[in-house]
Amino acid sequence: MHEPYRRRLPHIMPPGETLFITFRLHGTLPYALLEGLQLEHEAFLARQIVRTPHESVVAIKQQWEARYFLAIDTSLDADKIGSQWLSDETVAGIVKEAIHYRDNRQYIVHAYTIMPNHVHLLVTNTSEHKPFQQVLGSLKANSAKRVNEYMDQPNQPFWQAESYDHIVRNAKSFERIINYILNNPVKAELAENWEDWPHTYLKYK
């Protein structure tokens, strides 16, 4: 998986690419955990790149980035103390509406799951006039405003600014990510079967 968005170094996502996006609630995960993972990530890459042939560097980065993402996602699944606002049916419904409002307008939704503190979303970018990070930013800003109105807490941070993204390059990866999204609530022991989780969507059934 790619590293979190950095506002000073935004990713370039041309139209037509299929993207696996994960975004989480504001304040989830301690800073020390994130900083430790990032430092470990950078040190590992620096060591490996120095002693690895150029053709292997991309594979090494992909391997570590997958481990990095899994560490973050596992920590989110295990966190029962931090913000869990997405457990609220109305809040989850607002997020669903925001996702589907842009479906067939700025992207095509393939699948998503809304967990208590984060969202996994698989889409194909069809926006030709806006960078995808602006599309995602609009989705997050709109849903945050509506949630804050519902919860009577105006102007409070709702989403963490950074998101995580992965470009899906082939059918095998697409299928693997679909399965990951569907099974996340099962892995987190929120449901016995993926169909039982009310906040999971799959276009293809």
Protein backbone atom coordinates (compact mmCIF):
# COMPACT_ATOMS: atom_id res chain seq x y z
CA MET A 1 0.00 0.00 0.00
CA HIS A 2 1.09 3.55 -0.58
CA GLU A 3 2.04 5.79 2.29
CA PRO A 4 -0.52 8.25 3.66
CA TYR A 5 -1.19 11.32 1.58
CA ARG A 6 1.17 14.12 2.43
CA ARG A 7 -0.34 17.51 1.73
CA ARG A 8 3.04 18.84 0.59
CA LEU A 9 3.57 15.82 -1.72
CA PRO A 10 0.15 14.84 -3.13
CA HIS A 11 -0.15 11.68 -5.19
CA ILE A 12 -0.98 11.96 -8.89
CA MET A 13 -3.99 9.83 -9.82
CA PRO A 14 -4.99 10.06 -13.50
CA PRO A 15 -8.59 9.32 -14.53
CA GLY A 16 -9.39 5.70 -15.23
CA GLU A 17 -7.30 4.12 -12.50
CA THR A 18 -8.88 1.79 -9.99
CA LEU A 19 -8.03 2.80 -6.44
CA PHE A 20 -8.25 1.17 -3.03
CA ILE A 21 -8.72 3.99 -0.52
CA THR A 22 -8.76 3.84 3.28
CA PHE A 23 -9.64 6.85 5.42
CA ARG A 24 -10.17 7.03 9.16
CA LEU A 25 -11.71 9.15 11.88
CA HIS A 26 -9.83 12.08 13.33
CA GLY A 27 -7.63 11.20 16.28
CA THR A 28 -7.65 7.44 15.75
CA LEU A 29 -4.31 5.71 16.40
CA PRO A 30 -1.68 7.25 18.68
CA TYR A 31 0.95 9.47 17.09
CA ALA A 32 3.74 7.38 18.59
CA LEU A 33 2.51 4.29 16.72
CA LEU A 34 2.31 6.11 13.40
CA GLU A 35 5.67 7.79 13.85
CA GLY A 36 7.32 4.51 14.83
CA LEU A 37 5.93 2.72 11.77
CA GLN A 38 6.98 5.54 9.48
CA LEU A 39 10.53 5.65 10.85
CA GLU A 40 10.81 1.87 10.59
CA HIS A 41 9.49 2.04 7.04
CA GLU A 42 11.99 4.69 5.94
CA ALA A 43 14.94 2.95 7.61
CA PHE A 44 14.06 -0.39 6.04
CA LEU A 45 13.77 1.09 2.57
CA ALA A 46 17.03 3.00 2.92
CA ARG A 47 18.91 -0.17 3.91
CA GLN A 48 17.38 -2.36 1.23
CA ILE A 49 17.68 0.11 -1.64
CA VAL A 50 21.41 0.60 -1.03
CA ARG A 51 22.15 -3.10 -1.40
CA THR A 52 19.44 -4.21 -3.82
CA PRO A 53 19.56 -4.25 -7.63
CA HIS A 54 17.38 -1.57 -9.19
CA GLU A 55 14.89 -4.05 -10.65
CA SER A 56 14.09 -5.34 -7.14
CA VAL A 57 13.51 -1.95 -5.50
CA VAL A 58 9.88 -1.66 -6.61
CA ALA A 59 9.06 -5.14 -5.28
CA ILE A 60 10.72 -4.31 -1.94
CA LYS A 61 8.71 -1.10 -1.63
CA GLN A 62 5.48 -2.89 -2.43
CA GLN A 63 6.21 -5.62 0.11
CA TRP A 64 6.92 -3.17 2.90
CA GLU A 65 4.02 -0.88 2.04
CA ALA A 66 1.66 -3.85 2.29
CA ARG A 67 3.06 -4.65 5.74
CA TYR A 68 2.77 -1.00 6.74
CA PHE A 69 -0.87 -0.83 5.67
CA LEU A 70 -1.75 -4.07 7.46
CA ALA A 71 -0.16 -2.80 10.68
CA ILE A 72 -2.28 0.36 10.50
CA ASP A 73 -5.49 -1.47 9.63
CA THR A 74 -4.99 -4.14 12.29
CA SER A 75 -4.48 -1.40 14.89
CA LEU A 76 -7.69 0.31 13.77
CA ASP A 77 -9.64 -2.95 14.01
CA ALA A 78 -8.29 -3.61 17.51
CA ASP A 79 -8.95 -0.10 18.84
CA LYS A 80 -12.06 -0.19 21.02
CA ILE A 81 -11.25 2.97 23.01
CA GLY A 82 -10.80 5.71 20.40
CA SER A 83 -13.48 7.35 18.27
CA GLN A 84 -16.15 4.92 17.05
CA TRP A 85 -18.61 7.40 15.55
CA LEU A 86 -19.20 5.27 12.47
CA SER A 87 -20.91 2.69 14.68
CA ASP A 88 -23.88 5.07 14.79
CA GLU A 89 -26.41 3.99 12.15
CA THR A 90 -27.23 7.58 11.17
CA VAL A 91 -23.57 8.55 10.86
CA ALA A 92 -22.80 5.47 8.77
CA GLY A 93 -25.83 6.31 6.61
CA ILE A 94 -24.51 9.82 5.97
CA VAL A 95 -21.19 8.40 4.82
CA LYS A 96 -22.94 5.89 2.54
CA GLU A 97 -24.96 8.68 0.95
CA ALA A 98 -21.82 10.73 0.35
CA ILE A 99 -20.11 7.77 -1.30
CA HIS A 100 -23.06 6.90 -3.54
CA TYR A 101 -23.80 10.52 -4.48
CA ARG A 102 -20.53 10.58 -6.46
CA ASP A 103 -21.00 7.11 -7.96
CA ASN A 104 -21.21 7.30 -11.77
CA ARG A 105 -20.38 11.00 -11.55
CA GLN A 106 -16.78 11.19 -10.38
CA TYR A 107 -15.99 7.52 -9.89
CA ILE A 108 -17.49 4.05 -10.12
CA VAL A 109 -17.97 2.33 -6.76
CA HIS A 110 -17.06 -1.35 -6.76
CA ALA A 111 -17.15 -2.07 -3.02
CA TYR A 112 -16.79 -0.51 0.41
CA THR A 113 -17.13 -1.28 4.07
CA ILE A 114 -17.70 1.24 6.83
CA MET A 115 -16.01 0.10 10.02
CA PRO A 116 -16.51 1.77 13.43
CA ASN A 117 -13.49 4.06 12.93
CA HIS A 118 -12.46 3.82 9.27
CA VAL A 119 -13.69 3.21 5.72
CA HIS A 120 -12.33 0.99 2.95
CA LEU A 121 -13.42 2.05 -0.54
CA LEU A 122 -12.67 0.54 -3.97
CA VAL A 123 -13.45 2.80 -6.93
CA THR A 124 -12.46 3.53 -10.49
CA ASN A 125 -11.66 7.20 -10.95
CA THR A 126 -13.66 8.79 -13.79
CA SER A 127 -13.14 12.45 -12.86
CA GLU A 128 -11.38 14.26 -15.71
CA HIS A 129 -11.55 17.75 -14.26
CA LYS A 130 -10.47 17.23 -10.65
CA PRO A 131 -7.56 15.33 -9.12
CA PHE A 132 -8.98 12.37 -7.23
CA GLN A 133 -7.68 13.68 -3.90
CA GLN A 134 -10.01 16.67 -4.40
CA VAL A 135 -12.93 14.34 -5.06
CA LEU A 136 -12.15 12.39 -1.90
CA GLY A 137 -11.65 15.64 0.01
CA SER A 138 -15.10 16.81 -1.07
CA LEU A 139 -16.66 13.51 0.04
CA LYS A 140 -15.00 13.79 3.44
CA ALA A 141 -15.83 17.49 3.90
CA ASN A 142 -19.48 17.03 2.95
CA SER A 143 -20.01 14.00 5.17
CA ALA A 144 -18.15 15.65 8.08
CA LYS A 145 -20.37 18.73 7.88
CA ARG A 146 -23.55 16.65 7.88
CA VAL A 147 -22.34 14.42 10.73
CA ASN A 148 -21.39 17.44 12.84
CA GLU A 149 -24.84 18.93 12.27
CA TYR A 150 -26.45 15.66 13.33
CA MET A 151 -24.24 15.41 16.42
CA ASP A 152 -24.61 19.13 17.22
CA GLN A 153 -20.85 19.70 17.25
CA PRO A 154 -20.22 22.30 14.54
CA ASN A 155 -16.73 22.70 13.06
CA GLN A 156 -15.27 19.74 14.93
CA PRO A 157 -12.67 17.63 13.09
CA PHE A 158 -14.26 14.39 11.95
CA TRP A 159 -11.93 12.72 9.44
CA GLN A 160 -8.18 12.43 9.70
CA ALA A 161 -6.66 14.58 6.94
CA GLU A 162 -4.45 11.83 5.53
CA SER A 163 -5.82 8.91 3.55
CA TYR A 164 -4.18 5.74 2.29
CA ASP A 165 -4.30 4.67 -1.33
CA HIS A 166 -3.24 1.79 -3.52
CA ILE A 167 -3.46 1.64 -7.31
CA VAL A 168 -5.04 -1.65 -8.41
CA ARG A 169 -3.02 -2.86 -11.38
CA ASN A 170 -4.58 -6.18 -12.39
CA ALA A 171 -7.59 -8.47 -11.99
CA LYS A 172 -5.90 -10.64 -9.37
CA SER A 173 -5.21 -7.63 -7.16
CA PHE A 174 -8.77 -6.37 -7.74
CA GLU A 175 -10.23 -9.66 -6.51
CA ARG A 176 -7.88 -9.80 -3.52
CA ILE A 177 -8.87 -6.29 -2.44
CA ILE A 178 -12.59 -7.04 -2.85
CA ASN A 179 -12.14 -10.01 -0.53
CA TYR A 180 -10.16 -7.91 1.94
CA ILE A 181 -12.91 -5.28 2.08
CA LEU A 182 -15.71 -7.81 2.48
CA ASN A 183 -13.91 -9.76 5.19
CA ASN A 184 -12.69 -6.83 7.27
CA PRO A 185 -15.78 -6.83 9.56
CA VAL A 186 -15.41 -10.61 9.96
CA LYS A 187 -11.71 -10.30 10.80
CA ALA A 188 -12.55 -7.60 13.35
CA GLU A 189 -15.18 -9.93 14.89
CA LEU A 190 -18.04 -7.58 14.09
CA ALA A 191 -19.92 -10.18 12.01
CA GLU A 192 -19.78 -13.90 11.33
CA ASN A 193 -20.27 -13.49 7.58
CA TRP A 194 -19.59 -10.50 5.39
CA GLU A 195 -23.24 -10.34 4.30
CA ASP A 196 -24.25 -9.79 7.94
CA TRP A 197 -22.44 -6.45 8.25
CA PRO A 198 -24.98 -3.73 7.32
CA HIS A 199 -22.37 -1.23 6.17
CA THR A 200 -20.72 -3.30 3.44
CA TYR A 201 -21.53 -2.74 -0.23
CA LEU A 202 -20.60 -4.89 -3.23
CA LYS A 203 -21.67 -3.91 -6.73
CA TYR A 204 -21.23 -7.44 -8.08
CA LYS A 205 -23.36 -10.15 -6.46
